[in-house]
Amino acid sequence: MLKSPSRLLSRPKRVLPGLTLSLGLSVFYLSLIVLLPAITLILKAAEISWNELVFYFTDPRLLASFKVTFLTAAVATFFNGVLGLLLAWILVRYEFPGRRLIDSLIDLPFALPTAVAGLTLSALFATNGWIGQWLAPVDIKVSYTFYGIVVAMFFTSLPFVVRSLQPVLEDLSPEFEEAAESLGANRWQIFRRVVWPHIFPAFVQGVGLSYVRCLGEFGAIIFIAGNMPYSTEVISLMVFTYIGEYNYVAAAAVALFILTVSLVLLLLLQIAQRFYLSPKLR
């Protein structure tokens, strides 16, 4: 029996062919790669008693590592926001020799093993390194100091800001800026009133991802930080230390705390973007 045309028209169209299969494979992959390790981490951390939890999370050494990690991540994210915006602006708005090379180098932290990046940075910023030798006469030390952690975090998380802003800047039509200029707006007014509102959600997204990435960095930091307790020791190193001591429960508890903080930050980021964009979408 043939179906009526009204039923054919009322049937919802699927955006992608084979959506059910694609969705099932995606959920299976997400469960295998993300949810299963996360659930295992939660179950392992649940083995710790309340007294042990209080003991570890009131340890001055662990508290110092929290302070160092969150502070250095904030400083690195600040520089990522400023320099990432400038890099994205230059790569989108200007044509110059070597532009494609610089654009390719932005993704280098994604391709380069973080341990190799840490070794390279520590060699460059050592007192006898190519960069450190110019900083030593003015008594600026980077390797094995607080600043070394910031440099390592900055290097590994810069692409998040640049790659978040680039497509949005490319999508911004120049007609809006030309119209504002024709009405007498100067360059700063054009950027503040026309460009910035358009790229702000992408900027927040990139900065948020950069901060979360900094919180979990390990390989690039351990080679340049010096790993001195109470001074240049980060949370990821403390987790590694607990694992080396076969204290898997404490390691799982600290790792779960960082995971929770990261997930909460990402959730708040999505909520903030939603409320910022919702008036425009409606």
Protein backbone atom coordinates (compact mmCIF):
# COMPACT_ATOMS: atom_id res chain seq x y z
CA MET A 1 0.00 0.00 0.00
CA LEU A 2 1.38 3.38 -1.02
CA LYS A 3 1.93 5.96 1.67
CA SER A 4 0.15 9.28 1.38
CA PRO A 5 2.21 12.32 0.33
CA SER A 6 1.37 14.05 3.61
CA ARG A 7 3.08 11.30 5.60
CA LEU A 8 6.12 11.48 3.38
CA LEU A 9 6.35 15.22 3.85
CA SER A 10 5.83 15.05 7.60
CA ARG A 11 8.60 12.52 8.13
CA PRO A 12 11.59 14.28 9.73
CA LYS A 13 14.63 14.35 7.50
CA ARG A 14 17.89 13.15 8.90
CA VAL A 15 20.78 15.50 8.66
CA LEU A 16 23.31 12.74 7.96
CA PRO A 17 22.78 9.44 6.17
CA GLY A 18 23.10 6.51 8.54
CA LEU A 19 22.75 8.74 11.58
CA THR A 20 21.79 5.87 13.87
CA LEU A 21 24.91 3.89 13.01
CA SER A 22 27.13 6.97 13.20
CA LEU A 23 25.67 7.97 16.57
CA GLY A 24 26.11 4.44 17.94
CA LEU A 25 29.75 4.27 16.84
CA SER A 26 30.42 7.73 18.26
CA VAL A 27 28.89 6.86 21.64
CA PHE A 28 30.82 3.56 21.72
CA TYR A 29 34.10 5.33 20.91
CA LEU A 30 33.41 8.04 23.50
CA SER A 31 32.61 5.41 26.13
CA LEU A 32 35.72 3.39 25.36
CA ILE A 33 38.18 6.27 25.21
CA VAL A 34 36.74 8.78 27.71
CA LEU A 35 34.03 7.39 29.95
CA LEU A 36 35.61 4.03 30.77
CA PRO A 37 38.92 5.51 32.06
CA ALA A 38 36.98 8.21 33.91
CA ILE A 39 34.75 5.65 35.62
CA THR A 40 37.80 3.56 36.54
CA LEU A 41 39.40 6.65 38.05
CA ILE A 42 36.27 7.38 40.07
CA LEU A 43 36.06 3.80 41.36
CA LYS A 44 39.74 3.84 42.35
CA ALA A 45 39.43 7.19 44.10
CA ALA A 46 36.35 5.92 45.96
CA GLU A 47 38.57 3.46 47.83
CA ILE A 48 40.16 6.24 49.85
CA SER A 49 38.79 6.85 53.32
CA TRP A 50 37.69 10.25 54.57
CA ASN A 51 40.60 10.52 57.01
CA GLU A 52 43.08 9.70 54.25
CA LEU A 53 41.43 12.23 51.95
CA VAL A 54 41.73 14.97 54.56
CA PHE A 55 45.33 13.95 55.27
CA TYR A 56 46.43 14.18 51.65
CA PHE A 57 44.48 17.31 50.73
CA THR A 58 45.80 19.19 53.74
CA ASP A 59 49.40 18.23 53.00
CA PRO A 60 51.35 21.52 52.63
CA ARG A 61 53.33 20.06 49.74
CA LEU A 62 50.18 19.19 47.78
CA LEU A 63 48.58 22.54 48.60
CA ALA A 64 51.73 24.29 47.35
CA SER A 65 51.54 22.32 44.10
CA PHE A 66 47.89 23.43 43.68
CA LYS A 67 48.92 27.04 44.17
CA VAL A 68 51.80 26.79 41.70
CA THR A 69 49.69 25.02 39.07
CA PHE A 70 46.66 27.33 39.16
CA LEU A 71 48.79 30.48 39.32
CA THR A 72 51.16 29.54 36.49
CA ALA A 73 48.21 28.37 34.37
CA ALA A 74 46.52 31.75 34.88
CA VAL A 75 49.66 33.68 33.90
CA ALA A 76 50.28 31.49 30.84
CA THR A 77 46.63 31.81 29.79
CA PHE A 78 46.82 35.61 30.06
CA PHE A 79 49.76 35.71 27.64
CA ASN A 80 48.06 33.16 25.43
CA GLY A 81 45.01 35.41 25.20
CA VAL A 82 47.00 38.51 24.26
CA LEU A 83 49.55 36.96 21.91
CA GLY A 84 47.08 34.42 20.51
CA LEU A 85 44.73 37.22 19.49
CA LEU A 86 47.59 39.15 17.86
CA LEU A 87 48.81 36.06 15.98
CA ALA A 88 45.35 35.17 14.75
CA TRP A 89 44.77 38.76 13.64
CA ILE A 90 48.06 38.93 11.75
CA LEU A 91 47.59 35.55 10.05
CA VAL A 92 44.07 36.43 8.89
CA ARG A 93 44.39 40.09 7.98
CA TYR A 94 47.87 40.35 6.45
CA GLU A 95 49.77 38.70 3.62
CA PHE A 96 53.55 38.52 4.03
CA PRO A 97 56.43 36.18 3.17
CA GLY A 98 56.55 33.20 5.51
CA ARG A 99 52.90 33.49 6.53
CA ARG A 100 52.13 29.86 5.72
CA LEU A 101 55.22 28.73 7.62
CA ILE A 102 54.15 30.64 10.74
CA ASP A 103 50.63 29.29 10.37
CA SER A 104 52.04 25.75 10.28
CA LEU A 105 54.29 26.37 13.28
CA ILE A 106 51.24 27.25 15.39
CA ASP A 107 50.30 23.56 15.40
CA LEU A 108 53.81 22.41 16.34
CA PRO A 109 52.93 21.87 20.04
CA PHE A 110 50.25 19.40 18.93
CA ALA A 111 52.70 17.36 16.86
CA LEU A 112 55.76 17.63 19.10
CA PRO A 113 55.96 15.28 22.11
CA THR A 114 55.68 17.38 25.24
CA ALA A 115 58.78 15.76 26.77
CA VAL A 116 60.81 16.85 23.74
CA ALA A 117 59.34 20.33 24.06
CA GLY A 118 60.37 20.44 27.72
CA LEU A 119 63.92 19.37 26.98
CA THR A 120 64.20 21.91 24.16
CA LEU A 121 62.83 24.76 26.24
CA SER A 122 65.07 23.95 29.20
CA ALA A 123 68.11 23.96 26.88
CA LEU A 124 67.09 27.24 25.22
CA PHE A 125 66.45 29.09 28.49
CA ALA A 126 69.37 27.69 30.48
CA THR A 127 72.03 30.20 31.48
CA ASN A 128 74.23 28.99 28.61
CA GLY A 129 71.36 28.48 26.15
CA TRP A 130 70.61 30.52 23.04
CA ILE A 131 68.01 32.63 24.84
CA GLY A 132 69.09 32.21 28.46
CA GLN A 133 72.57 33.63 27.82
CA TRP A 134 70.98 37.00 27.02
CA LEU A 135 68.81 36.91 30.13
CA ALA A 136 71.57 35.88 32.54
CA PRO A 137 73.37 39.30 32.59
CA VAL A 138 70.17 40.96 33.84
CA ASP A 139 69.66 38.18 36.43
CA ILE A 140 66.57 36.67 34.80
CA LYS A 141 66.39 32.90 35.20
CA VAL A 142 63.76 30.88 33.37
CA SER A 143 64.81 27.25 33.47
CA TYR A 144 64.10 25.51 36.80
CA THR A 145 62.00 28.44 38.06
CA PHE A 146 58.38 29.60 38.22
CA TYR A 147 58.86 31.34 34.87
CA GLY A 148 59.93 28.11 33.25
CA ILE A 149 56.58 26.53 34.09
CA VAL A 150 54.79 29.52 32.55
CA VAL A 151 56.87 29.23 29.37
CA ALA A 152 56.15 25.51 29.06
CA MET A 153 52.42 26.01 29.59
CA PHE A 154 52.38 28.91 27.15
CA PHE A 155 54.09 26.84 24.47
CA THR A 156 51.79 23.83 24.75
CA SER A 157 48.47 25.72 24.95
CA LEU A 158 48.91 28.68 22.56
CA PRO A 159 47.31 26.88 19.55
CA PHE A 160 43.95 26.67 21.32
CA VAL A 161 43.52 30.45 21.28
CA VAL A 162 44.82 30.98 17.75
CA ARG A 163 42.81 28.15 16.18
CA SER A 164 39.64 29.25 17.98
CA LEU A 165 39.91 32.82 16.70
CA GLN A 166 41.12 32.25 13.14
CA PRO A 167 37.91 30.91 11.55
CA VAL A 168 35.80 33.56 13.30
CA LEU A 169 38.04 36.37 12.05
CA GLU A 170 37.96 34.91 8.56
CA ASP A 171 34.16 34.78 8.72
CA LEU A 172 33.89 38.45 9.70
CA SER A 173 32.92 40.39 6.59
CA PRO A 174 34.96 43.57 5.97
CA GLU A 175 31.80 45.44 4.97
CA PHE A 176 30.89 45.97 8.62
CA GLU A 177 34.22 47.61 9.37
CA GLU A 178 34.01 49.72 6.20
CA ALA A 179 30.54 50.87 7.19
CA ALA A 180 31.75 51.85 10.66
CA GLU A 181 34.71 53.72 9.15
CA SER A 182 32.42 55.57 6.76
CA LEU A 183 30.41 56.74 9.76
CA GLY A 184 33.51 58.27 11.32
CA ALA A 185 34.67 55.53 13.72
CA ASN A 186 38.40 55.25 14.34
CA ARG A 187 40.32 51.96 14.34
CA TRP A 188 39.98 51.41 18.09
CA GLN A 189 36.22 52.07 17.99
CA ILE A 190 35.84 49.68 15.05
CA PHE A 191 37.65 46.95 16.92
CA ARG A 192 35.80 47.52 20.20
CA ARG A 193 32.29 47.91 18.78
CA VAL A 194 32.37 45.76 15.62
CA VAL A 195 35.16 43.16 15.76
CA TRP A 196 35.38 42.36 19.48
CA PRO A 197 31.69 41.47 20.05
CA HIS A 198 31.92 39.11 17.08
CA ILE A 199 35.07 37.27 18.18
CA PHE A 200 34.51 37.41 21.95
CA PRO A 201 32.79 33.98 22.27
CA ALA A 202 35.61 32.32 20.31
CA PHE A 203 38.17 34.18 22.42
CA VAL A 204 36.58 32.93 25.64
CA GLN A 205 36.47 29.41 24.20
CA GLY A 206 40.15 29.46 23.28
CA VAL A 207 41.25 30.98 26.58
CA GLY A 208 39.19 28.46 28.55
CA LEU A 209 40.61 25.50 26.63
CA SER A 210 44.09 26.93 27.07
CA TYR A 211 43.67 27.16 30.86
CA VAL A 212 42.31 23.63 31.15
CA ARG A 213 45.19 22.36 29.00
CA CYS A 214 47.68 24.08 31.29
CA LEU A 215 46.25 22.40 34.38
CA GLY A 216 47.01 18.93 33.05
CA GLU A 217 50.40 19.57 31.43
CA PHE A 218 53.18 17.24 32.55
CA GLY A 219 55.83 16.34 29.99
CA ALA A 220 56.91 19.85 29.04
CA ILE A 221 56.99 21.04 32.66
CA ILE A 222 59.04 18.41 34.47
CA PHE A 223 62.15 19.12 32.38
CA ILE A 224 62.13 22.90 32.78
CA ALA A 225 60.54 23.40 36.22
CA GLY A 226 63.24 21.87 38.40
CA ASN A 227 60.49 20.10 40.38
CA MET A 228 61.41 21.64 43.72
CA PRO A 229 58.80 20.97 46.43
CA TYR A 230 56.85 24.04 47.60
CA SER A 231 58.33 26.07 44.75
CA THR A 232 58.16 24.56 41.23
CA GLU A 233 56.21 21.36 41.75
CA VAL A 234 52.92 21.03 39.84
CA ILE A 235 49.90 18.82 40.45
CA SER A 236 50.61 16.41 37.60
CA LEU A 237 54.05 15.74 39.08
CA MET A 238 52.46 15.03 42.47
CA VAL A 239 50.21 12.44 40.83
CA PHE A 240 53.26 10.90 39.20
CA THR A 241 55.04 10.89 42.57
CA TYR A 242 52.15 9.08 44.25
CA ILE A 243 52.15 6.48 41.49
CA GLY A 244 55.90 5.98 41.95
CA GLU A 245 55.23 5.34 45.63
CA TYR A 246 52.51 2.80 44.69
CA ASN A 247 49.97 5.02 46.37
CA TYR A 248 47.42 4.60 43.59
CA VAL A 249 44.47 5.66 45.73
CA ALA A 250 45.96 9.07 46.52
CA ALA A 251 47.02 9.51 42.90
CA ALA A 252 43.49 8.72 41.74
CA ALA A 253 41.96 11.14 44.25
CA VAL A 254 44.18 14.05 43.18
CA ALA A 255 43.73 13.23 39.49
CA LEU A 256 39.95 13.06 39.97
CA PHE A 257 40.02 16.48 41.63
CA ILE A 258 41.83 18.02 38.66
CA LEU A 259 39.49 16.23 36.25
CA THR A 260 36.48 17.60 38.11
CA VAL A 261 37.86 21.13 38.09
CA SER A 262 38.53 20.89 34.35
CA LEU A 263 35.05 19.54 33.60
CA VAL A 264 33.40 22.24 35.72
CA LEU A 265 35.39 24.95 33.93
CA LEU A 266 34.42 23.56 30.53
CA LEU A 267 30.78 23.34 31.58
CA LEU A 268 30.79 26.93 32.83
CA LEU A 269 32.44 27.95 29.59
CA GLN A 270 29.67 26.35 27.54
CA ILE A 271 26.97 27.92 29.73
CA ALA A 272 28.57 31.35 29.45
CA GLN A 273 28.80 31.05 25.68
CA ARG A 274 25.21 29.90 25.46
CA PHE A 275 23.91 32.87 27.42
CA TYR A 276 26.11 35.25 25.45
CA LEU A 277 24.99 33.93 22.08
CA SER A 278 21.34 33.26 22.93
CA PRO A 279 20.12 36.87 22.36
CA LYS A 280 21.74 36.87 18.92
CA LEU A 281 20.35 33.45 18.01
CA ARG A 282 16.83 34.46 18.97
